[in-house]
Protein backbone atom coordinates (compact mmCIF):
# COMPACT_ATOMS: atom_id res chain seq x y z
CA MET A 1 8.08 -23.07 4.41
CA SER A 2 6.81 -25.05 7.41
CA LYS A 3 3.22 -26.00 8.32
CA VAL A 4 2.17 -24.87 11.80
CA VAL A 5 -1.10 -25.60 13.54
CA VAL A 6 -2.16 -23.38 16.41
CA ILE A 7 -4.54 -24.91 19.00
CA GLY A 8 -6.61 -22.04 20.43
CA CYS A 9 -7.18 -18.78 18.74
CA GLY A 10 -7.38 -16.37 21.66
CA HIS A 11 -5.04 -13.43 22.20
CA VAL A 12 -1.79 -15.42 22.07
CA GLY A 13 -2.96 -18.05 19.65
CA LEU A 14 -4.29 -15.82 16.98
CA ILE A 15 -1.43 -13.31 17.00
CA THR A 16 1.04 -16.31 16.96
CA ALA A 17 -0.85 -17.77 13.95
CA ALA A 18 -0.99 -14.49 12.04
CA GLY A 19 2.69 -13.84 12.91
CA PHE A 20 3.90 -17.10 11.43
CA ALA A 21 1.74 -16.55 8.29
CA GLU A 22 3.38 -13.11 7.91
CA ILE A 23 6.89 -14.64 7.81
CA GLY A 24 5.80 -17.11 5.15
CA HIS A 25 4.64 -20.34 6.89
CA GLU A 26 1.40 -22.18 6.16
CA VAL A 27 -0.71 -21.82 9.27
CA VAL A 28 -4.01 -23.54 10.46
CA GLY A 29 -5.76 -22.10 13.47
CA VAL A 30 -7.94 -24.57 15.40
CA ASP A 31 -10.62 -23.42 17.78
CA ASN A 32 -13.71 -25.11 19.26
CA ASP A 33 -15.71 -21.89 19.70
CA PRO A 34 -18.26 -21.80 16.70
CA GLN A 35 -18.79 -18.09 17.13
CA ARG A 36 -15.11 -17.22 17.16
CA LEU A 37 -14.52 -19.42 14.16
CA GLU A 38 -17.27 -17.70 12.26
CA VAL A 39 -15.63 -14.41 12.83
CA LEU A 40 -12.16 -15.69 11.96
CA ARG A 41 -13.34 -17.44 8.85
CA ALA A 42 -14.76 -14.10 7.68
CA GLY A 43 -11.30 -12.59 8.07
CA ALA A 44 -11.97 -10.41 11.06
CA PRO A 45 -10.35 -10.29 14.46
CA PRO A 46 -12.57 -11.24 17.48
CA PHE A 47 -10.70 -8.71 19.63
CA TYR A 48 -8.87 -5.33 19.18
CA GLU A 49 -5.12 -5.49 18.73
CA PRO A 50 -3.26 -2.87 16.72
CA GLY A 51 -1.99 -4.30 13.35
CA LEU A 52 -3.82 -7.65 13.73
CA SER A 53 -6.68 -6.80 11.37
CA GLU A 54 -4.07 -5.94 8.66
CA LEU A 55 -2.36 -9.31 9.05
CA LEU A 56 -5.67 -11.18 8.81
CA THR A 57 -6.68 -9.28 5.74
CA ARG A 58 -3.27 -10.05 4.14
CA HIS A 59 -3.19 -13.75 4.71
CA HIS A 60 -6.72 -14.92 5.40
CA GLY A 61 -7.70 -17.78 3.08
CA GLY A 62 -4.06 -18.08 1.81
CA LEU A 63 -1.36 -18.88 4.21
CA LEU A 64 -3.80 -18.62 7.19
CA THR A 65 -6.80 -20.73 7.48
CA PHE A 66 -9.13 -21.90 10.30
CA GLU A 67 -10.50 -25.36 11.16
CA ASP A 68 -12.68 -26.96 13.79
CA ASP A 69 -11.47 -30.42 13.00
CA PRO A 70 -7.92 -31.16 14.29
CA ARG A 71 -7.47 -34.22 12.04
CA VAL A 72 -7.83 -32.03 8.93
CA ALA A 73 -5.60 -29.27 10.43
CA LEU A 74 -2.79 -31.53 11.48
CA GLN A 75 -2.31 -33.32 8.28
CA GLY A 76 1.35 -32.75 7.24
CA ALA A 77 2.04 -30.32 10.08
CA ASP A 78 5.57 -29.84 11.41
CA ALA A 79 4.47 -28.32 14.81
CA ALA A 80 1.39 -27.81 16.90
CA PHE A 81 1.48 -24.79 19.17
CA ILE A 82 -0.72 -25.16 22.27
CA CYS A 83 -2.14 -21.72 22.96
CA VAL A 84 -5.07 -22.57 25.13
CA ASN A 85 -6.38 -20.77 28.23
CA THR A 86 -4.78 -21.50 31.63
CA PRO A 87 -7.32 -19.86 34.01
CA PRO A 88 -6.51 -19.33 37.65
CA ARG A 89 -8.17 -21.55 40.21
CA SER A 90 -9.34 -20.40 43.58
CA ASP A 91 -6.24 -21.79 45.22
CA GLY A 92 -3.97 -19.69 43.08
CA ARG A 93 -2.79 -22.56 40.89
CA LEU A 94 -3.44 -22.51 37.13
CA SER A 95 -5.90 -24.91 35.60
CA LEU A 96 -4.08 -26.91 33.04
CA ALA A 97 -7.18 -28.98 31.88
CA PHE A 98 -7.23 -27.39 28.49
CA VAL A 99 -3.40 -28.08 28.05
CA GLU A 100 -4.07 -31.86 28.72
CA GLN A 101 -7.13 -31.81 26.47
CA ALA A 102 -5.09 -30.16 23.62
CA THR A 103 -2.25 -32.60 24.14
CA ARG A 104 -4.62 -35.59 23.86
CA THR A 105 -6.26 -34.08 20.78
CA VAL A 106 -2.89 -33.76 18.93
CA ALA A 107 -1.78 -37.21 19.92
CA GLU A 108 -5.08 -38.71 18.65
CA ALA A 109 -5.24 -36.58 15.45
CA ALA A 110 -1.67 -36.45 14.27
CA SER A 111 -0.86 -39.05 11.70
CA GLY A 112 2.87 -38.77 11.75
CA PRO A 113 5.75 -37.24 13.68
CA ILE A 114 5.17 -33.69 14.96
CA VAL A 115 6.48 -31.39 17.66
CA ILE A 116 4.06 -30.10 20.38
CA VAL A 117 5.13 -26.61 21.34
CA GLU A 118 3.80 -25.42 24.67
CA LYS A 119 2.99 -21.61 24.28
CA SER A 120 0.45 -21.10 26.89
CA THR A 121 1.72 -19.74 30.12
CA VAL A 122 2.13 -22.68 32.48
CA PRO A 123 4.02 -23.56 35.65
CA ALA A 124 7.37 -25.53 35.59
CA ASN A 125 7.06 -29.25 35.01
CA THR A 126 4.04 -28.87 32.73
CA ALA A 127 5.88 -29.98 29.65
CA ARG A 128 7.04 -33.09 31.61
CA ARG A 129 3.31 -33.87 32.28
CA VAL A 130 2.64 -33.33 28.45
CA MET A 131 5.41 -35.90 27.77
CA ASP A 132 3.84 -38.27 30.32
CA VAL A 133 0.44 -38.05 28.48
CA LEU A 134 2.19 -38.76 25.08
CA LYS A 135 3.98 -41.83 26.67
CA GLU A 136 0.65 -43.02 28.06
CA MET A 137 -0.95 -42.82 24.66
CA GLY A 138 2.10 -44.43 22.90
CA ARG A 139 2.97 -41.25 20.93
CA TYR A 140 6.32 -40.32 22.52
CA PRO A 141 9.00 -39.87 21.14
CA ASP A 142 7.16 -39.90 17.79
CA ILE A 143 5.71 -36.71 19.10
CA GLU A 144 8.38 -34.45 20.60
CA VAL A 145 7.75 -31.62 23.14
CA ALA A 146 9.13 -28.08 23.25
CA SER A 147 8.41 -25.09 25.48
CA ASN A 148 8.26 -21.60 23.78
CA PRO A 149 6.91 -19.06 26.27
CA GLU A 150 5.31 -15.88 24.77
CA PHE A 151 6.43 -12.47 25.76
CA LEU A 152 3.63 -10.53 24.14
CA ARG A 153 2.29 -7.21 25.41
CA GLU A 154 -1.32 -6.44 24.53
CA GLY A 155 -1.32 -3.23 22.44
CA THR A 156 2.00 -4.12 20.90
CA ALA A 157 1.64 -7.86 20.38
CA VAL A 158 1.99 -7.93 16.67
CA GLN A 159 5.22 -6.01 16.87
CA ASP A 160 6.40 -8.24 19.66
CA THR A 161 5.71 -11.32 17.58
CA LEU A 162 7.46 -10.04 14.47
CA GLU A 163 10.30 -8.03 16.18
CA PRO A 164 10.89 -9.89 19.46
CA ASP A 165 13.66 -8.89 21.85
CA ARG A 166 14.44 -12.62 22.60
CA ILE A 167 13.01 -16.06 21.78
CA VAL A 168 13.19 -18.67 24.53
CA VAL A 169 12.98 -22.33 23.62
CA GLY A 170 12.95 -25.21 26.08
CA LEU A 171 13.73 -28.76 24.83
CA ALA A 172 13.85 -32.24 26.27
CA ASN A 173 16.80 -33.00 23.99
CA GLY A 174 18.48 -31.69 20.89
CA GLY A 175 16.48 -33.77 18.44
CA ARG A 176 13.97 -32.99 15.74
CA ALA A 177 12.22 -30.38 17.91
CA ARG A 178 15.20 -28.01 17.88
CA LYS A 179 15.49 -28.17 14.14
CA VAL A 180 11.68 -27.54 13.65
CA LEU A 181 11.79 -24.45 16.02
CA GLU A 182 15.03 -23.13 14.31
CA GLU A 183 13.39 -23.37 10.90
CA LEU A 184 10.15 -21.73 12.06
CA TYR A 185 11.83 -18.72 13.62
CA ALA A 186 14.65 -18.36 11.04
CA PRO A 187 12.94 -15.56 9.01
CA ILE A 188 12.76 -13.41 12.18
CA VAL A 189 16.19 -14.26 13.44
CA ASP A 190 17.77 -13.62 10.07
CA ARG A 191 15.96 -10.25 9.65
CA THR A 192 16.23 -8.89 13.24
CA GLY A 193 19.24 -10.65 14.74
CA CYS A 194 16.95 -11.53 17.72
CA PRO A 195 18.86 -13.84 20.19
CA VAL A 196 17.50 -17.34 20.67
CA ILE A 197 17.91 -18.95 24.02
CA PHE A 198 17.90 -22.71 23.94
CA THR A 199 17.50 -24.37 27.34
CA ASP A 200 15.69 -27.13 29.10
CA LEU A 201 11.89 -27.38 29.50
CA ASP A 202 11.58 -26.38 33.08
CA THR A 203 13.91 -23.39 32.76
CA ALA A 204 11.86 -22.10 29.80
CA GLU A 205 8.62 -22.38 31.84
CA VAL A 206 10.07 -20.57 34.82
CA THR A 207 11.48 -17.78 32.66
CA LYS A 208 7.96 -16.64 31.65
CA HIS A 209 6.62 -16.44 35.21
CA ALA A 210 9.82 -14.88 36.41
CA CYS A 211 9.55 -12.02 33.83
CA ASN A 212 5.88 -11.21 34.44
CA SER A 213 6.27 -11.35 38.22
CA PHE A 214 9.35 -8.99 38.22
CA LEU A 215 7.44 -6.50 36.08
CA ALA A 216 4.54 -6.63 38.40
CA MET A 217 6.97 -6.09 41.30
CA LYS A 218 8.24 -2.95 39.68
CA ILE A 219 4.75 -1.62 39.37
CA SER A 220 3.92 -2.19 43.01
CA TYR A 221 7.25 -0.97 44.08
CA ILE A 222 6.78 2.44 42.45
CA ASN A 223 3.26 2.62 43.82
CA ALA A 224 4.61 2.12 47.40
CA VAL A 225 7.07 4.86 46.67
CA ALA A 226 4.25 7.04 45.40
CA ALA A 227 2.36 6.67 48.68
CA LEU A 228 5.49 7.68 50.58
CA CYS A 229 6.04 10.71 48.25
CA GLU A 230 2.44 11.96 48.95
CA ARG A 231 3.26 11.89 52.66
CA LEU A 232 6.63 13.58 52.35
CA GLY A 233 5.87 16.14 49.60
CA ALA A 234 8.01 14.56 47.04
CA ASP A 235 7.13 14.04 43.30
CA VAL A 236 7.16 10.31 42.29
CA GLU A 237 7.67 11.06 38.60
CA VAL A 238 10.90 12.82 39.20
CA VAL A 239 11.87 9.99 41.57
CA ALA A 240 11.00 7.46 38.85
CA ARG A 241 13.03 9.36 36.17
CA GLY A 242 16.02 9.54 38.49
CA MET A 243 15.63 5.74 39.11
CA GLY A 244 15.02 4.87 35.45
CA MET A 245 18.29 6.58 34.28
CA ASP A 246 20.11 3.96 36.24
CA PRO A 247 20.81 1.24 33.50
CA ARG A 248 20.59 -1.36 36.22
CA ILE A 249 16.96 -0.39 36.84
CA GLY A 250 15.54 1.08 33.58
CA PRO A 251 12.50 3.39 33.21
CA GLN A 252 9.91 0.79 32.12
CA PHE A 253 7.13 -0.08 34.55
CA LEU A 254 7.97 2.66 36.86
CA LYS A 255 4.82 4.69 36.40
CA ALA A 256 2.74 5.24 39.61
CA GLY A 257 -0.99 4.81 39.38
CA ILE A 258 -3.97 2.50 40.12
CA GLY A 259 -1.74 -0.66 39.56
CA TYR A 260 -1.68 -3.51 37.10
CA GLY A 261 -4.57 -5.44 35.76
CA GLY A 262 -5.23 -7.69 32.64
CA PHE A 263 -5.26 -11.43 32.51
CA CYS A 264 -1.55 -12.11 32.73
CA PHE A 265 -0.01 -10.25 35.65
CA PRO A 266 -2.45 -11.10 38.40
CA LYS A 267 -2.58 -14.72 37.29
CA ASP A 268 1.04 -15.18 36.82
CA VAL A 269 2.05 -13.51 40.11
CA SER A 270 -0.42 -15.81 42.00
CA GLY A 271 0.71 -18.85 39.99
CA PHE A 272 4.39 -18.20 40.58
CA LEU A 273 3.80 -17.52 44.28
CA THR A 274 1.84 -20.85 44.55
CA GLN A 275 4.63 -22.76 42.80
CA ALA A 276 7.18 -21.34 45.31
CA ARG A 277 4.94 -22.35 48.32
CA ASP A 278 4.45 -25.78 46.83
CA ALA A 279 8.17 -26.25 46.57
CA GLY A 280 8.81 -24.94 49.95
CA VAL A 281 10.44 -21.75 48.93
CA ASP A 282 9.67 -18.49 50.81
CA PHE A 283 8.73 -16.06 48.10
CA GLU A 284 6.31 -13.95 50.06
CA LEU A 285 7.69 -10.88 48.33
CA LEU A 286 5.16 -11.66 45.70
CA GLY A 287 2.45 -11.68 48.25
CA GLU A 288 3.31 -8.12 49.14
CA VAL A 289 3.31 -7.27 45.51
CA ARG A 290 -0.26 -8.53 45.16
CA LYS A 291 -1.27 -6.72 48.38
CA ILE A 292 0.08 -3.34 47.20
CA ASN A 293 -1.64 -3.76 43.83
CA ALA A 294 -5.02 -4.57 45.39
CA GLY A 295 -4.74 -1.55 47.79
CA GLN A 296 -4.37 0.91 44.80
CA ARG A 297 -8.00 0.67 43.97
CA GLU A 298 -9.08 1.58 47.47
CA ARG A 299 -6.51 4.44 47.42
CA LEU A 300 -8.09 5.77 44.24
CA LEU A 301 -11.66 5.50 45.76
CA GLY A 302 -10.30 7.44 48.79
CA LYS A 303 -9.09 10.18 46.56
CA VAL A 304 -12.58 10.39 44.90
CA ARG A 305 -14.24 10.70 48.25
CA GLN A 306 -11.61 13.32 49.23
CA ALA A 307 -12.35 15.21 46.03
CA VAL A 308 -16.17 15.27 46.19
CA TRP A 309 -16.94 14.32 49.84
CA ASN A 310 -20.10 12.12 49.30
CA LEU A 311 -20.62 10.16 46.16
CA GLU A 312 -24.27 9.87 46.74
CA GLY A 313 -26.24 11.78 44.03
CA LYS A 314 -23.03 12.66 42.21
CA ARG A 315 -22.37 12.20 38.50
CA VAL A 316 -19.00 10.60 37.76
CA ALA A 317 -17.33 10.48 34.36
CA VAL A 318 -14.85 7.63 33.82
CA TRP A 319 -12.26 7.75 31.06
CA GLY A 320 -10.78 4.36 30.34
CA LEU A 321 -12.46 0.92 30.87
CA ALA A 322 -9.76 -1.48 29.32
CA PHE A 323 -7.01 -2.56 31.73
CA LYS A 324 -4.40 -0.68 29.57
CA PRO A 325 -4.25 1.40 26.33
CA GLY A 326 -3.99 -0.33 22.98
CA THR A 327 -6.51 -3.02 23.89
CA ASP A 328 -10.24 -3.71 24.52
CA ASP A 329 -9.41 -6.36 27.03
CA LEU A 330 -11.43 -6.03 30.32
CA ARG A 331 -10.00 -8.98 32.13
CA GLU A 332 -9.04 -7.87 35.61
CA ALA A 333 -9.41 -4.22 34.57
CA PRO A 334 -9.52 -1.79 37.54
CA SER A 335 -12.74 -0.42 36.10
CA LEU A 336 -14.53 -3.58 36.89
CA GLU A 337 -13.90 -3.03 40.54
CA VAL A 338 -13.80 0.78 40.80
CA ILE A 339 -17.04 1.56 38.96
CA PRO A 340 -19.29 -0.73 40.94
CA ALA A 341 -17.75 0.65 44.15
CA MET A 342 -18.72 4.09 43.22
CA GLN A 343 -22.20 3.01 42.18
CA ARG A 344 -22.73 1.32 45.48
CA GLU A 345 -22.08 4.69 47.11
CA GLY A 346 -24.82 6.31 45.08
CA ALA A 347 -23.02 7.66 42.08
CA SER A 348 -24.22 7.60 38.47
CA VAL A 349 -21.53 6.83 35.88
CA ARG A 350 -20.89 7.68 32.32
CA ALA A 351 -17.82 6.25 30.71
CA HIS A 352 -15.67 6.42 27.53
CA ASP A 353 -12.92 4.21 26.23
CA PRO A 354 -11.45 4.45 22.65
CA ALA A 355 -11.61 0.69 22.16
CA VAL A 356 -14.42 -0.50 24.38
CA ASP A 357 -17.84 0.44 22.96
CA ALA A 358 -21.44 0.01 23.94
CA SER A 359 -21.26 -3.72 23.35
CA ALA A 360 -19.50 -4.03 26.72
CA ALA A 361 -22.39 -2.55 28.56
CA GLY A 362 -23.24 -5.92 30.08
CA ALA A 363 -19.87 -5.83 32.04
CA PHE A 364 -21.03 -2.43 33.49
CA PRO A 365 -24.63 -2.49 34.50
CA GLY A 366 -26.13 0.92 34.90
CA VAL A 367 -23.27 2.71 33.14
CA GLU A 368 -23.78 4.90 30.10
CA ILE A 369 -21.00 4.30 27.59
CA CYS A 370 -20.35 7.31 25.55
CA GLU A 371 -18.71 7.52 22.01
CA ASP A 372 -16.44 10.50 22.95
CA PRO A 373 -14.72 11.81 26.12
CA LEU A 374 -16.44 15.19 26.25
CA THR A 375 -19.95 13.59 26.09
CA ALA A 376 -18.93 11.46 29.11
CA VAL A 377 -17.81 14.51 31.26
CA GLU A 378 -20.97 16.60 30.43
CA GLY A 379 -22.44 17.74 33.73
CA ALA A 380 -20.05 15.63 35.71
CA ASP A 381 -19.00 16.34 39.33
CA VAL A 382 -15.76 14.51 38.98
CA LEU A 383 -13.75 12.88 36.13
CA VAL A 384 -11.95 9.60 37.15
CA VAL A 385 -9.23 8.31 34.76
CA LEU A 386 -8.60 4.68 34.81
CA THR A 387 -6.65 4.03 31.52
CA ASP A 388 -3.80 6.19 30.17
CA TRP A 389 -4.83 6.29 26.52
CA PRO A 390 -2.66 8.75 24.62
CA GLU A 391 -5.85 10.38 23.31
CA PHE A 392 -6.66 11.64 26.78
CA GLU A 393 -3.44 13.57 27.16
CA SER A 394 -4.22 15.73 24.06
CA VAL A 395 -7.89 16.46 25.02
CA ASP A 396 -8.56 20.18 25.47
CA LEU A 397 -8.80 20.67 29.18
CA GLY A 398 -10.51 24.03 28.77
CA ALA A 399 -13.37 22.14 26.99
CA VAL A 400 -13.45 19.52 29.68
CA ARG A 401 -13.77 22.18 32.47
CA GLY A 402 -16.46 23.86 30.56
CA ALA A 403 -18.49 20.68 30.19
CA MET A 404 -18.24 19.60 33.85
CA ARG A 405 -20.55 20.71 36.63
CA ARG A 406 -17.44 20.86 38.89
CA PRO A 407 -13.88 21.00 37.69
CA VAL A 408 -12.50 17.93 39.59
CA ILE A 409 -10.28 15.18 38.26
CA VAL A 410 -9.04 12.11 40.09
CA ASP A 411 -6.32 10.73 37.90
CA GLY A 412 -5.49 7.00 38.39
CA ARG A 413 -2.85 7.09 35.65
CA ASN A 414 -1.04 10.53 36.14
CA VAL A 415 -1.91 11.49 32.59
CA TRP A 416 -1.34 15.19 32.82
CA PRO A 417 1.51 17.35 34.46
CA VAL A 418 0.24 18.85 37.66
CA GLU A 419 1.11 22.33 36.55
CA THR A 420 -0.93 21.92 33.34
CA VAL A 421 -4.06 20.96 35.25
CA ALA A 422 -3.55 23.66 37.90
CA ASP A 423 -3.33 26.28 35.05
CA HIS A 424 -6.86 25.33 34.07
CA GLY A 425 -8.30 25.71 37.61
CA PHE A 426 -8.98 22.19 38.36
CA THR A 427 -9.02 20.34 41.63
CA TYR A 428 -6.77 17.50 40.74
CA LEU A 429 -5.69 14.46 42.70
CA SER A 430 -3.25 11.92 41.26
CA PHE A 431 -0.69 9.39 42.61
CA GLY A 432 2.60 10.32 44.25
CA ARG A 433 2.40 14.04 43.27
CA PRO A 434 1.15 17.24 44.91
CA ASP A 435 -2.55 17.81 44.98
CA VAL A 436 -4.14 20.71 43.15
CA VAL A 437 -7.13 22.46 44.83
CA ALA A 438 -8.99 24.99 42.79
CA GLY A 439 -5.82 25.56 40.70
CA GLU A 440 -3.48 25.90 43.66
CA ILE A 441 -0.70 23.30 43.91
CA ARG A 442 -0.45 22.13 47.46
CA ARG A 443 2.26 20.05 49.24
CA PRO A 444 2.11 18.51 52.71
């Protein structure tokens, strides 16, 4: 058993800490937010993530504890994982102030040799700057540095931690850091056979940004194809299925709709593009990825206007507030842009999300947040779907139609088959598929 300290107990940090406790290590989470610490010390998660509450219940107060004093937390620790926020700046670069602060905190508080593991998503050369800080403070090579990027998906982050498809570790050399990381991950590797890639620091850092940017590119690509399908009378879902059967492409992230959101993809695409520009590399492909994604919001609003003509005086039901199913995360969620836009045009909005409750009302001024989807659509002129929660697909569409003032759906996530919605007599507009008008499927 090793002792691990996790600096920063946000999405990545807390799930990392709980995961290491689950595989038998002693873990101390360090955070400087008093309210978050109070929640964590009570054994509760401060955000929604499937499976996380069970891990906290199982290990809270045992293998997993929480501290606000780094000196106490770092006593006898083998590794300190930096999992702090790296928010985007206005110029597209990532702010690394919290990474530097965490590095200095560990250097000042650690009483003996330890490995700093960079877990936060950072641009290449960040680990080198961490080493520069340690050298400046006289703590290198007593404190070694490793890069271990996370590949967690919100909604499946616990599973991704305990059953990863790969582990990437960047090292400055093959010294103590490699041994510490091998021992930390041994229970997972031995159980799952997960491959471990050992490489240099810069390569590990680039790998994370390259992965997220590529996935964002796939989403924007299929959305551009969807726009073309609408003009030509093709069905993007069949196109995507045909593409995804090619093993060189794969089916993941080929679902057309309103586009990607969340904290990671927008930030990482901008950060990677900015790194390329700073290095003198033409990577404007990523600029087009961003442009296509931003345009999806306006395309959805255009479909709403097409469906109901004027929004003034209309009642709009919104299903889905979180940026994706399986999370309550509102960061960069399409709902934050689409709902205010409809309100500015005179619509009143009622919304439902399985994980986002009335406590989020401050993020949506003037929006009534309902506990169930049928309440949200009662008396509505149009239902707008912004998140593809599985619960929505199984809702009784007959009951939905009966509750609405007008049977109109604008589906930003292509939740239902076109034929199914047509059978219920809806007007139905989605992405990259034929429109349905009063139950009739129409093609250009």
